[in-house]
């Protein structure tokens, strides 16, 4: 009888086991969407508007004219491709894409901050809301600035992939995306941030200096990305 009772008793869950945190768990969706829309949604009211240099580069100009001008200035061959494709739909597509790009960057940042254990959920929420609302790149509304905005998107996407996914595929994907973001040359310096973040998260593996391991090689590749870009620029698109 006792054995029968013990058989029907439910199993006790292992107290040390915990479900992994869902992606974007705790993100302040309502606050972020409402406040971001109030701060930057005005650009969507007149989505076909030209600003500043847009008049010279895009008004009554053949499709792709600005793209060819950028290429002739020594920018990376992939610079302006996203802008060119969106302009096939209309100026409004660039305006909407810009609005979405900066919101997506906040999502990437929230996940990056999740890996910093000293930050509480409330800390991460406040930082992301401040990041969304502070008028960084106020000129983002201009079509001529979209290529920089897209580099901004690629940089944070690469950082997110680097921190979130530990597989070789995830690492290679993050390196490719970070490399593509270098078409805006300021990111050649700011890539130091994901580099240091990655090194900190893998500091235990880096301590073993007697034997080269995967972490050492990954960090070396990360450090070489800006150098590879500069060399490629000198040789392929001077």
Foldseek 3Di string as FASTA:
>chain_A
DVVVVVVPDDDDDDPVDDDDDDQCVLAPVVLQVVLLCVQQVVLLVCQQDADDCCCVQPPVDDQCSNVVVLLLVLFDNCQCPVLSVQCVVNSSSLQVVLSVLQSVLLSLQLLLCVVVVVADSVNSNVVSSCSSRPCDPVVSSHSVCSSLSVLSSLCSVLLSLLPPDDDPVSLVVSLVSLLVSCSVVVSLVVLVVSLVSLCVVCVVVVVPPVDDDPSNVSSVSSNCSSVVSVVCSVPPRD
